[in-house]
Amino acid sequence: MPNVFSDHHHWHSSTIDSIKAVVPSSVDRFHSATKLVYSYYSVFHGFSAVLSKDELEALKKLPGFVSAYKDTTVEPHTTHTAHWSQLIQQGNIGYRNSKRSCPRARLAVYEFSFIEGSFTSDLIAAMDQAVADGVDAISICQGYGFIPLYEDAISIASFGAMMKGVLVSDSAGNRGNSVGTVVNGSP
C-alpha cells in the first residue's frame, strides 16, 4: 500500500475514483454505477468493485494491477434434510452438534449468502473478516464448477488465510457417483 493512504479501503477507493476520472460514465438502466463493494486486506490485498468493461480496461493499465476475475455465484454443498432446514430457521446452525464434539470450542459464523444470491466476493469478504478476527479455522461448504486454480479466488483467499496460520477446510462438492462429479478439486 502506498504511504499516502491511511488504510487499504482508502487506497482502493482512490483507485476507483481515478478510474471514474478517465472513463466516461456509462450508467444507464442496464449498468450499475461504478462502486467499491469490498476492500480485502487479510487474505490478500485487493478489492471487489462494480466496473464497466471500459473501466476494467482502465484498471488493467494502472501500476500494480495483478489480475481481475468476474464475480461468480457459489452454491451450497450441504445436505438439504429437514433437520438441516430446521437448524437454519432456528438460527443456530450446527451449534448443538459442535458443542457436543468440542465442548470448549468457540464458534464464529459469518453470513455471506443473501437474498440476491451467494457470490465469491461475499464469501471472500467473510473469510477476510474471519482472518482479521483471529479465527483458527474456516470451514466452507460452498463452491462452483471447475475454475483453473490461478483464477479461483476462493482458493487464492484460502492460501492467503493459510499463510496467516488459519486452517481452511472446503467441501469437495458432489453431483453424483460418476466421473467428474467432484466440483472443488483445490488442494
N, C-alpha and C. Protein backbone atom coordinates (compact mmCIF):
# COMPACT_ATOMS: atom_id res chain seq x y z
N MET A 1 0.85 -1.18 0.00
CA MET A 1 0.00 0.00 0.00
C MET A 1 0.90 1.25 0.00
N PRO A 2 0.65 2.16 -0.91
CA PRO A 2 1.43 3.40 -0.90
C PRO A 2 1.24 4.18 0.40
N ASN A 3 2.30 4.83 0.86
CA ASN A 3 2.29 5.54 2.15
C ASN A 3 1.30 6.70 2.22
N VAL A 4 0.86 7.21 1.09
CA VAL A 4 -0.05 8.37 1.11
C VAL A 4 -1.45 8.00 1.59
N PHE A 5 -1.76 6.70 1.68
CA PHE A 5 -3.09 6.27 2.09
C PHE A 5 -3.08 5.79 3.54
N SER A 6 -4.15 6.10 4.25
CA SER A 6 -4.25 5.73 5.66
C SER A 6 -4.58 4.26 5.87
N ASP A 7 -5.30 3.66 4.93
CA ASP A 7 -5.64 2.24 5.02
C ASP A 7 -5.96 1.70 3.63
N HIS A 8 -6.18 0.40 3.55
CA HIS A 8 -6.43 -0.24 2.26
C HIS A 8 -7.72 0.26 1.62
N HIS A 9 -8.75 0.46 2.42
CA HIS A 9 -10.02 0.94 1.89
C HIS A 9 -9.84 2.30 1.20
N HIS A 10 -9.09 3.18 1.82
CA HIS A 10 -8.82 4.50 1.24
C HIS A 10 -8.07 4.34 -0.08
N TRP A 11 -7.09 3.46 -0.12
CA TRP A 11 -6.31 3.20 -1.33
C TRP A 11 -7.22 2.68 -2.45
N HIS A 12 -8.05 1.69 -2.12
CA HIS A 12 -8.93 1.10 -3.12
C HIS A 12 -9.97 2.10 -3.61
N SER A 13 -10.52 2.89 -2.71
CA SER A 13 -11.49 3.93 -3.09
C SER A 13 -10.85 4.94 -4.04
N SER A 14 -9.62 5.31 -3.75
CA SER A 14 -8.90 6.25 -4.60
C SER A 14 -8.66 5.66 -5.99
N THR A 15 -8.37 4.38 -6.04
CA THR A 15 -8.18 3.70 -7.33
C THR A 15 -9.46 3.76 -8.15
N ILE A 16 -10.58 3.46 -7.52
CA ILE A 16 -11.88 3.52 -8.21
C ILE A 16 -12.16 4.94 -8.69
N ASP A 17 -11.89 5.92 -7.84
CA ASP A 17 -12.11 7.33 -8.22
C ASP A 17 -11.24 7.72 -9.42
N SER A 18 -10.00 7.23 -9.46
CA SER A 18 -9.12 7.57 -10.59
C SER A 18 -9.63 6.96 -11.89
N ILE A 19 -10.25 5.79 -11.80
CA ILE A 19 -10.83 5.17 -13.00
C ILE A 19 -12.02 6.00 -13.48
N LYS A 20 -12.86 6.42 -12.54
CA LYS A 20 -14.03 7.23 -12.89
C LYS A 20 -13.61 8.52 -13.58
N ALA A 21 -12.45 9.04 -13.21
CA ALA A 21 -11.98 10.32 -13.77
C ALA A 21 -11.55 10.19 -15.23
N VAL A 22 -11.11 9.00 -15.65
CA VAL A 22 -10.61 8.85 -17.02
C VAL A 22 -11.59 8.15 -17.97
N VAL A 23 -12.58 7.46 -17.42
CA VAL A 23 -13.54 6.73 -18.25
C VAL A 23 -14.89 7.44 -18.18
N PRO A 24 -15.47 7.78 -19.32
CA PRO A 24 -16.79 8.43 -19.30
C PRO A 24 -17.82 7.53 -18.64
N SER A 25 -18.74 8.13 -17.92
CA SER A 25 -19.78 7.38 -17.23
C SER A 25 -20.68 6.67 -18.23
N SER A 26 -20.96 5.41 -17.96
CA SER A 26 -21.86 4.65 -18.83
C SER A 26 -23.04 4.13 -18.04
N VAL A 27 -23.48 4.90 -17.06
CA VAL A 27 -24.59 4.46 -16.22
C VAL A 27 -25.89 4.65 -16.99
N ASP A 28 -26.62 3.58 -17.14
CA ASP A 28 -27.96 3.64 -17.71
C ASP A 28 -28.79 2.57 -17.03
N ARG A 29 -29.94 2.29 -17.56
CA ARG A 29 -30.80 1.33 -16.86
C ARG A 29 -30.26 -0.09 -16.91
N PHE A 30 -29.26 -0.36 -17.74
CA PHE A 30 -28.69 -1.70 -17.85
C PHE A 30 -27.39 -1.87 -17.08
N HIS A 31 -26.79 -0.79 -16.61
CA HIS A 31 -25.50 -0.85 -15.94
C HIS A 31 -25.55 -0.11 -14.61
N SER A 32 -24.86 -0.65 -13.64
CA SER A 32 -24.76 -0.01 -12.33
C SER A 32 -23.63 1.01 -12.34
N ALA A 33 -23.72 1.96 -11.44
CA ALA A 33 -22.64 2.93 -11.28
C ALA A 33 -21.42 2.23 -10.71
N THR A 34 -20.25 2.70 -11.09
CA THR A 34 -19.00 2.16 -10.56
C THR A 34 -18.98 2.36 -9.05
N LYS A 35 -18.66 1.29 -8.33
CA LYS A 35 -18.57 1.44 -6.88
C LYS A 35 -17.69 0.34 -6.30
N LEU A 36 -17.06 0.67 -5.19
CA LEU A 36 -16.26 -0.28 -4.44
C LEU A 36 -17.21 -1.11 -3.59
N VAL A 37 -17.15 -2.43 -3.72
CA VAL A 37 -18.03 -3.31 -2.96
C VAL A 37 -17.35 -3.78 -1.68
N TYR A 38 -16.15 -4.34 -1.81
CA TYR A 38 -15.38 -4.81 -0.66
C TYR A 38 -13.92 -4.40 -0.83
N SER A 39 -13.26 -4.21 0.29
CA SER A 39 -11.82 -3.99 0.31
C SER A 39 -11.22 -5.10 1.16
N TYR A 40 -10.38 -5.92 0.57
CA TYR A 40 -9.79 -7.07 1.27
C TYR A 40 -8.38 -6.71 1.74
N TYR A 41 -8.03 -7.14 2.95
CA TYR A 41 -6.71 -6.81 3.47
C TYR A 41 -6.09 -7.94 4.28
N SER A 42 -6.84 -9.00 4.56
CA SER A 42 -6.29 -10.08 5.38
C SER A 42 -5.89 -11.30 4.56
N VAL A 43 -6.77 -11.79 3.69
CA VAL A 43 -6.47 -12.99 2.92
C VAL A 43 -5.66 -12.66 1.67
N PHE A 44 -5.82 -11.47 1.15
CA PHE A 44 -4.97 -10.89 0.11
C PHE A 44 -5.28 -9.41 0.03
N HIS A 45 -4.46 -8.68 -0.67
CA HIS A 45 -4.68 -7.25 -0.81
C HIS A 45 -5.35 -7.00 -2.15
N GLY A 46 -6.60 -6.55 -2.09
CA GLY A 46 -7.35 -6.30 -3.31
C GLY A 46 -8.74 -5.80 -2.98
N PHE A 47 -9.55 -5.71 -4.01
CA PHE A 47 -10.91 -5.22 -3.80
C PHE A 47 -11.87 -5.85 -4.79
N SER A 48 -13.14 -5.71 -4.48
CA SER A 48 -14.22 -6.12 -5.36
C SER A 48 -14.98 -4.85 -5.72
N ALA A 49 -15.28 -4.69 -7.01
CA ALA A 49 -15.95 -3.47 -7.45
C ALA A 49 -16.87 -3.75 -8.62
N VAL A 50 -17.85 -2.89 -8.78
CA VAL A 50 -18.73 -2.92 -9.95
C VAL A 50 -18.07 -2.03 -11.00
N LEU A 51 -17.68 -2.62 -12.12
CA LEU A 51 -16.98 -1.88 -13.18
C LEU A 51 -17.57 -2.20 -14.55
N SER A 52 -17.54 -1.23 -15.44
CA SER A 52 -17.89 -1.49 -16.83
C SER A 52 -16.66 -2.11 -17.51
N LYS A 53 -16.82 -2.58 -18.73
CA LYS A 53 -15.68 -3.15 -19.47
C LYS A 53 -14.60 -2.10 -19.69
N ASP A 54 -15.01 -0.88 -20.01
CA ASP A 54 -14.04 0.20 -20.22
C ASP A 54 -13.29 0.53 -18.93
N GLU A 55 -14.00 0.52 -17.81
CA GLU A 55 -13.37 0.80 -16.52
C GLU A 55 -12.39 -0.31 -16.15
N LEU A 56 -12.75 -1.55 -16.45
CA LEU A 56 -11.83 -2.67 -16.20
C LEU A 56 -10.56 -2.51 -17.04
N GLU A 57 -10.71 -2.14 -18.28
CA GLU A 57 -9.54 -1.93 -19.13
C GLU A 57 -8.66 -0.81 -18.59
N ALA A 58 -9.27 0.26 -18.07
CA ALA A 58 -8.50 1.36 -17.46
C ALA A 58 -7.78 0.87 -16.21
N LEU A 59 -8.44 0.03 -15.41
CA LEU A 59 -7.84 -0.54 -14.20
C LEU A 59 -6.61 -1.37 -14.56
N LYS A 60 -6.70 -2.16 -15.61
CA LYS A 60 -5.59 -3.02 -16.02
C LYS A 60 -4.34 -2.23 -16.39
N LYS A 61 -4.50 -0.97 -16.75
CA LYS A 61 -3.37 -0.13 -17.14
C LYS A 61 -2.70 0.56 -15.96
N LEU A 62 -3.31 0.48 -14.78
CA LEU A 62 -2.74 1.15 -13.60
C LEU A 62 -1.54 0.39 -13.07
N PRO A 63 -0.55 1.10 -12.52
CA PRO A 63 0.61 0.42 -11.91
C PRO A 63 0.15 -0.45 -10.74
N GLY A 64 0.71 -1.62 -10.62
CA GLY A 64 0.38 -2.51 -9.51
C GLY A 64 -0.76 -3.46 -9.80
N PHE A 65 -1.41 -3.33 -10.96
CA PHE A 65 -2.50 -4.24 -11.30
C PHE A 65 -1.95 -5.65 -11.46
N VAL A 66 -2.63 -6.64 -10.86
CA VAL A 66 -2.19 -8.03 -10.97
C VAL A 66 -3.19 -8.85 -11.77
N SER A 67 -4.45 -8.87 -11.34
CA SER A 67 -5.45 -9.67 -12.05
C SER A 67 -6.85 -9.22 -11.66
N ALA A 68 -7.81 -9.63 -12.48
CA ALA A 68 -9.22 -9.35 -12.20
C ALA A 68 -10.04 -10.56 -12.62
N TYR A 69 -11.04 -10.88 -11.83
CA TYR A 69 -11.92 -12.01 -12.12
C TYR A 69 -13.36 -11.57 -11.97
N LYS A 70 -14.21 -12.10 -12.83
CA LYS A 70 -15.63 -11.82 -12.74
C LYS A 70 -16.18 -12.50 -11.48
N ASP A 71 -17.07 -11.80 -10.78
CA ASP A 71 -17.70 -12.37 -9.59
C ASP A 71 -18.52 -13.59 -10.01
N THR A 72 -18.41 -14.66 -9.26
CA THR A 72 -19.05 -15.92 -9.60
C THR A 72 -20.04 -16.30 -8.51
N THR A 73 -21.16 -16.89 -8.91
CA THR A 73 -22.10 -17.38 -7.90
C THR A 73 -21.55 -18.68 -7.33
N VAL A 74 -21.78 -18.89 -6.05
CA VAL A 74 -21.40 -20.13 -5.39
C VAL A 74 -22.67 -20.82 -4.93
N GLU A 75 -22.61 -22.13 -4.87
CA GLU A 75 -23.78 -22.89 -4.44
C GLU A 75 -23.44 -23.74 -3.23
N PRO A 76 -24.46 -24.05 -2.42
CA PRO A 76 -24.19 -24.81 -1.19
C PRO A 76 -23.79 -26.25 -1.48
N HIS A 77 -22.89 -26.76 -0.64
CA HIS A 77 -22.50 -28.17 -0.67
C HIS A 77 -23.01 -28.84 0.60
N THR A 78 -24.17 -28.47 1.04
CA THR A 78 -24.72 -29.02 2.28
C THR A 78 -25.87 -29.94 1.97
N THR A 79 -26.23 -30.71 2.94
CA THR A 79 -27.37 -31.59 2.79
C THR A 79 -28.65 -30.76 2.91
N HIS A 80 -29.69 -31.22 2.27
CA HIS A 80 -30.95 -30.48 2.29
C HIS A 80 -32.01 -31.27 3.07
N THR A 81 -31.66 -31.75 4.24
CA THR A 81 -32.61 -32.51 5.04
C THR A 81 -33.48 -31.57 5.86
N ALA A 82 -34.57 -32.10 6.36
CA ALA A 82 -35.47 -31.30 7.20
C ALA A 82 -34.74 -30.86 8.46
N HIS A 83 -33.89 -31.73 9.02
CA HIS A 83 -33.15 -31.37 10.23
C HIS A 83 -32.26 -30.16 9.97
N TRP A 84 -31.56 -30.15 8.85
CA TRP A 84 -30.69 -29.02 8.49
C TRP A 84 -31.52 -27.76 8.32
N SER A 85 -32.65 -27.87 7.63
CA SER A 85 -33.52 -26.71 7.42
C SER A 85 -34.01 -26.13 8.73
N GLN A 86 -34.35 -27.00 9.69
CA GLN A 86 -34.81 -26.52 11.00
C GLN A 86 -33.70 -25.76 11.71
N LEU A 87 -32.47 -26.24 11.62
CA LEU A 87 -31.36 -25.53 12.26
C LEU A 87 -31.19 -24.14 11.66
N ILE A 88 -31.33 -24.06 10.35
CA ILE A 88 -31.20 -22.76 9.69
C ILE A 88 -32.30 -21.83 10.17
N GLN A 89 -33.54 -22.32 10.20
CA GLN A 89 -34.67 -21.49 10.61
C GLN A 89 -34.53 -21.04 12.06
N GLN A 90 -33.95 -21.87 12.90
CA GLN A 90 -33.79 -21.52 14.31
C GLN A 90 -32.58 -20.62 14.53
N GLY A 91 -31.75 -20.45 13.52
CA GLY A 91 -30.62 -19.54 13.63
C GLY A 91 -29.44 -20.09 14.42
N ASN A 92 -29.41 -21.40 14.65
CA ASN A 92 -28.28 -21.96 15.40
C ASN A 92 -27.67 -23.12 14.60
N ILE A 93 -27.21 -22.81 13.44
CA ILE A 93 -26.68 -23.81 12.51
C ILE A 93 -25.56 -24.62 13.16
N GLY A 94 -25.83 -25.90 13.37
CA GLY A 94 -24.82 -26.81 13.86
C GLY A 94 -24.32 -26.56 15.28
N TYR A 95 -24.91 -25.64 16.00
CA TYR A 95 -24.41 -25.26 17.32
C TYR A 95 -24.41 -26.45 18.27
N ARG A 96 -25.53 -27.15 18.37
CA ARG A 96 -25.63 -28.26 19.34
C ARG A 96 -24.60 -29.35 19.03
N ASN A 97 -24.52 -29.76 17.78
CA ASN A 97 -23.59 -30.82 17.41
C ASN A 97 -22.14 -30.40 17.62
N SER A 98 -21.81 -29.16 17.32
CA SER A 98 -20.45 -28.68 17.52
C SER A 98 -20.09 -28.65 18.99
N LYS A 99 -21.02 -28.24 19.81
CA LYS A 99 -20.76 -28.15 21.25
C LYS A 99 -20.59 -29.54 21.86
N ARG A 100 -21.24 -30.55 21.30
CA ARG A 100 -21.09 -31.90 21.83
C ARG A 100 -19.70 -32.46 21.50
N SER A 101 -19.21 -32.21 20.29
CA SER A 101 -17.93 -32.79 19.90
C SER A 101 -16.74 -31.98 20.41
N CYS A 102 -16.91 -30.70 20.60
CA CYS A 102 -15.84 -29.82 21.08
C CYS A 102 -16.42 -28.88 22.13
N PRO A 103 -16.56 -29.35 23.37
CA PRO A 103 -17.27 -28.55 24.38
C PRO A 103 -16.65 -27.19 24.66
N ARG A 104 -15.35 -27.02 24.44
CA ARG A 104 -14.72 -25.72 24.72
C ARG A 104 -14.55 -24.86 23.46
N ALA A 105 -15.10 -25.36 22.36
CA ALA A 105 -14.95 -24.63 21.09
C ALA A 105 -15.76 -23.34 21.10
N ARG A 106 -15.19 -22.34 20.48
CA ARG A 106 -15.91 -21.09 20.26
C ARG A 106 -16.18 -21.00 18.76
N LEU A 107 -17.42 -20.76 18.41
CA LEU A 107 -17.79 -20.69 17.01
C LEU A 107 -18.06 -19.25 16.60
N ALA A 108 -17.62 -18.91 15.43
CA ALA A 108 -17.94 -17.61 14.83
C ALA A 108 -18.56 -17.90 13.47
N VAL A 109 -19.74 -17.39 13.23
CA VAL A 109 -20.44 -17.63 11.98
C VAL A 109 -20.50 -16.32 11.21
N TYR A 110 -20.05 -16.35 9.96
CA TYR A 110 -20.03 -15.17 9.11
C TYR A 110 -21.00 -15.38 7.97
N GLU A 111 -22.00 -14.52 7.88
CA GLU A 111 -23.01 -14.65 6.83
C GLU A 111 -22.50 -14.01 5.54
N PHE A 112 -22.66 -14.74 4.44
CA PHE A 112 -22.26 -14.18 3.15
C PHE A 112 -23.27 -14.51 2.05
N SER A 113 -24.32 -15.21 2.40
CA SER A 113 -25.33 -15.59 1.42
C SER A 113 -26.57 -14.73 1.67
N PHE A 114 -27.03 -14.07 0.62
CA PHE A 114 -28.11 -13.11 0.77
C PHE A 114 -29.25 -13.45 -0.20
N ILE A 115 -30.34 -12.72 -0.12
CA ILE A 115 -31.50 -12.95 -0.98
C ILE A 115 -31.09 -12.89 -2.46
N GLU A 116 -30.18 -11.98 -2.79
CA GLU A 116 -29.73 -11.83 -4.17
C GLU A 116 -28.91 -13.02 -4.65
N GLY A 117 -28.42 -13.83 -3.73
CA GLY A 117 -27.61 -14.98 -4.07
C GLY A 117 -26.32 -15.02 -3.26
N SER A 118 -25.52 -16.01 -3.55
CA SER A 118 -24.22 -16.18 -2.89
C SER A 118 -23.13 -15.98 -3.93
N PHE A 119 -22.22 -15.06 -3.66
CA PHE A 119 -21.19 -14.72 -4.63
C PHE A 119 -19.80 -14.86 -4.02
N THR A 120 -18.84 -15.11 -4.88
CA THR A 120 -17.46 -15.25 -4.46
C THR A 120 -16.99 -14.04 -3.66
N SER A 121 -17.34 -12.84 -4.10
CA SER A 121 -16.89 -11.62 -3.41
C SER A 121 -17.38 -11.59 -1.97
N ASP A 122 -18.62 -12.05 -1.74
CA ASP A 122 -19.17 -12.06 -0.38
C ASP A 122 -18.48 -13.11 0.49
N LEU A 123 -18.23 -14.29 -0.08
CA LEU A 123 -17.54 -15.35 0.66
C LEU A 123 -16.13 -14.91 1.04
N ILE A 124 -15.43 -14.28 0.11
CA ILE A 124 -14.07 -13.82 0.41
C ILE A 124 -14.09 -12.72 1.46
N ALA A 125 -15.10 -11.85 1.43
CA ALA A 125 -15.22 -10.82 2.47
C ALA A 125 -15.41 -11.46 3.84
N ALA A 126 -16.20 -12.53 3.91
CA ALA A 126 -16.40 -13.24 5.18
C ALA A 126 -15.09 -13.89 5.63
N MET A 127 -14.36 -14.51 4.71
CA MET A 127 -13.07 -15.11 5.04
C MET A 127 -12.08 -14.05 5.51
N ASP A 128 -12.06 -12.92 4.82
CA ASP A 128 -11.16 -11.83 5.16
C ASP A 128 -11.43 -11.33 6.58
N GLN A 129 -12.70 -11.18 6.92
CA GLN A 129 -13.06 -10.71 8.26
C GLN A 129 -12.73 -11.77 9.31
N ALA A 130 -12.96 -13.04 8.98
CA ALA A 130 -12.65 -14.12 9.93
C ALA A 130 -11.15 -14.14 10.25
N VAL A 131 -10.31 -14.01 9.24
CA VAL A 131 -8.86 -13.98 9.47
C VAL A 131 -8.49 -12.75 10.29
N ALA A 132 -9.07 -11.61 9.97
CA ALA A 132 -8.81 -10.38 10.74
C ALA A 132 -9.24 -10.54 12.20
N ASP A 133 -10.30 -11.32 12.43
CA ASP A 133 -10.80 -11.54 13.79
C ASP A 133 -9.97 -12.56 14.56
N GLY A 134 -9.04 -13.24 13.89
CA GLY A 134 -8.14 -14.17 14.57
C GLY A 134 -8.66 -15.59 14.71
N VAL A 135 -9.52 -16.05 13.81
CA VAL A 135 -10.01 -17.42 13.90
C VAL A 135 -8.86 -18.40 13.65
N ASP A 136 -9.05 -19.63 14.11
CA ASP A 136 -8.05 -20.67 13.89
C ASP A 136 -8.37 -21.53 12.67
N ALA A 137 -9.65 -21.62 12.32
CA ALA A 137 -10.07 -22.47 11.20
C ALA A 137 -11.29 -21.86 10.52
N ILE A 138 -11.39 -22.11 9.23
CA ILE A 138 -12.54 -21.69 8.43
C ILE A 138 -13.06 -22.93 7.72
N SER A 139 -14.35 -23.20 7.85
CA SER A 139 -14.99 -24.31 7.16
C SER A 139 -15.94 -23.74 6.12
N ILE A 140 -15.75 -24.13 4.88
CA ILE A 140 -16.57 -23.62 3.78
C ILE A 140 -17.34 -24.79 3.16
N CYS A 141 -18.63 -24.62 3.03
CA CYS A 141 -19.47 -25.63 2.38
C CYS A 141 -20.16 -25.02 1.17
N GLN A 142 -19.40 -24.31 0.37
CA GLN A 142 -19.91 -23.64 -0.83
C GLN A 142 -18.88 -23.85 -1.93
N GLY A 143 -19.32 -23.75 -3.16
CA GLY A 143 -18.39 -23.85 -4.26
C GLY A 143 -19.05 -23.61 -5.59
N TYR A 144 -18.30 -23.88 -6.65
CA TYR A 144 -18.80 -23.71 -8.00
C TYR A 144 -18.12 -24.73 -8.89
N GLY A 145 -18.50 -24.75 -10.15
CA GLY A 145 -17.89 -25.67 -11.10
C GLY A 145 -16.40 -25.42 -11.26
N PHE A 146 -15.78 -26.19 -12.12
CA PHE A 146 -14.33 -26.11 -12.28
C PHE A 146 -13.90 -24.73 -12.76
N ILE A 147 -12.92 -24.18 -12.07
CA ILE A 147 -12.25 -22.94 -12.46
C ILE A 147 -10.76 -23.22 -12.31
N PRO A 148 -9.93 -22.83 -13.27
CA PRO A 148 -8.49 -23.05 -13.11
C PRO A 148 -7.99 -22.46 -11.78
N LEU A 149 -7.08 -23.14 -11.14
CA LEU A 149 -6.60 -22.74 -9.83
C LEU A 149 -6.13 -21.29 -9.79
N TYR A 150 -5.45 -20.83 -10.82
CA TYR A 150 -4.93 -19.46 -10.84
C TYR A 150 -6.04 -18.41 -11.00
N GLU A 151 -7.28 -18.84 -11.32
CA GLU A 151 -8.42 -17.93 -11.41
C GLU A 151 -9.42 -18.15 -10.28
N ASP A 152 -9.18 -19.12 -9.43
CA ASP A 152 -10.11 -19.48 -8.36
C ASP A 152 -9.87 -18.58 -7.15
N ALA A 153 -10.68 -17.53 -7.05
CA ALA A 153 -10.48 -16.54 -5.98
C ALA A 153 -10.64 -17.14 -4.59
N ILE A 154 -11.50 -18.14 -4.44
CA ILE A 154 -11.67 -18.78 -3.12
C ILE A 154 -10.39 -19.54 -2.75
N SER A 155 -9.79 -20.24 -3.71
CA SER A 155 -8.53 -20.94 -3.44
C SER A 155 -7.41 -19.96 -3.13
N ILE A 156 -7.37 -18.85 -3.85
CA ILE A 156 -6.34 -17.84 -3.61
C ILE A 156 -6.50 -17.25 -2.21
N ALA A 157 -7.75 -16.95 -1.83
CA ALA A 157 -8.02 -16.43 -0.48
C ALA A 157 -7.71 -17.48 0.58
N SER A 158 -8.01 -18.74 0.30
CA SER A 158 -7.71 -19.82 1.24
C SER A 158 -6.21 -19.94 1.47
N PHE A 159 -5.43 -19.80 0.40
CA PHE A 159 -3.97 -19.83 0.53
C PHE A 159 -3.50 -18.66 1.39
N GLY A 160 -4.08 -17.48 1.18
CA GLY A 160 -3.72 -16.31 1.99
C GLY A 160 -4.04 -16.53 3.46
N ALA A 161 -5.19 -17.16 3.73
CA ALA A 161 -5.55 -17.46 5.12
C ALA A 161 -4.56 -18.46 5.72
N MET A 162 -4.20 -19.47 4.93
CA MET A 162 -3.24 -20.47 5.40
C MET A 162 -1.89 -19.83 5.72
N MET A 163 -1.48 -18.86 4.91
CA MET A 163 -0.22 -18.17 5.16
C MET A 163 -0.25 -17.39 6.48
N LYS A 164 -1.44 -17.11 6.98
CA LYS A 164 -1.59 -16.43 8.27
C LYS A 164 -1.90 -17.42 9.40
N GLY A 165 -1.73 -18.72 9.13
CA GLY A 165 -1.90 -19.73 10.16
C GLY A 165 -3.32 -20.22 10.36
N VAL A 166 -4.21 -19.95 9.43
CA VAL A 166 -5.61 -20.38 9.55
C VAL A 166 -5.84 -21.60 8.67
N LEU A 167 -6.36 -22.67 9.27
CA LEU A 167 -6.71 -23.87 8.52
C LEU A 167 -8.00 -23.59 7.76
N VAL A 168 -8.01 -23.86 6.46
CA VAL A 168 -9.23 -23.69 5.66
C VAL A 168 -9.63 -25.06 5.14
N SER A 169 -10.86 -25.45 5.46
CA SER A 169 -11.41 -26.71 5.01
C SER A 169 -12.58 -26.39 4.08
N ASP A 170 -12.52 -26.90 2.86
CA ASP A 170 -13.56 -26.61 1.87
C ASP A 170 -14.11 -27.93 1.36
N SER A 171 -15.42 -28.03 1.31
CA SER A 171 -16.05 -29.26 0.83
C SER A 171 -15.72 -29.48 -0.64
N ALA A 172 -15.67 -30.75 -1.03
CA ALA A 172 -15.36 -31.08 -2.42
C ALA A 172 -16.57 -30.89 -3.32
N GLY A 173 -17.74 -30.95 -2.74
CA GLY A 173 -18.94 -30.89 -3.57
C GLY A 173 -19.12 -32.23 -4.25
N ASN A 174 -20.32 -32.58 -4.57
CA ASN A 174 -20.55 -33.87 -5.19
C ASN A 174 -21.88 -33.82 -5.93
N ARG A 175 -21.82 -34.08 -7.20
CA ARG A 175 -23.04 -34.05 -8.01
C ARG A 175 -23.43 -35.45 -8.47
N GLY A 176 -23.03 -36.45 -7.76
CA GLY A 176 -23.42 -37.80 -8.14
C GLY A 176 -22.28 -38.78 -8.00
N ASN A 177 -22.48 -39.95 -8.59
CA ASN A 177 -21.50 -41.02 -8.42
C ASN A 177 -20.80 -41.40 -9.73
N SER A 178 -20.57 -40.42 -10.57
CA SER A 178 -19.85 -40.70 -11.81
C SER A 178 -18.59 -39.84 -11.88
N VAL A 179 -17.76 -40.11 -12.88
CA VAL A 179 -16.51 -39.38 -13.05
C VAL A 179 -16.80 -37.89 -13.25
N GLY A 180 -16.00 -37.05 -12.59
CA GLY A 180 -16.13 -35.61 -12.77
C GLY A 180 -17.19 -34.94 -11.93
N THR A 181 -17.68 -35.62 -10.90
CA THR A 181 -18.74 -35.01 -10.09
C THR A 181 -18.21 -34.22 -8.90
N VAL A 182 -16.93 -34.37 -8.58
CA VAL A 182 -16.33 -33.54 -7.55
C VAL A 182 -16.05 -32.19 -8.19
N VAL A 183 -16.63 -31.13 -7.61
CA VAL A 183 -16.55 -29.82 -8.26
C VAL A 183 -15.52 -28.89 -7.64
N ASN A 184 -14.93 -29.27 -6.52
CA ASN A 184 -13.90 -28.43 -5.91
C ASN A 184 -12.66 -29.28 -5.72
N GLY A 185 -11.74 -29.18 -6.63
CA GLY A 185 -10.55 -30.01 -6.57
C GLY A 185 -9.33 -29.30 -6.03
N SER A 186 -9.50 -28.12 -5.45
CA SER A 186 -8.34 -27.39 -4.92
C SER A 186 -7.71 -28.15 -3.77
N PRO A 187 -6.37 -28.02 -3.64
CA PRO A 187 -5.69 -28.70 -2.53
C PRO A 187 -6.10 -28.12 -1.20
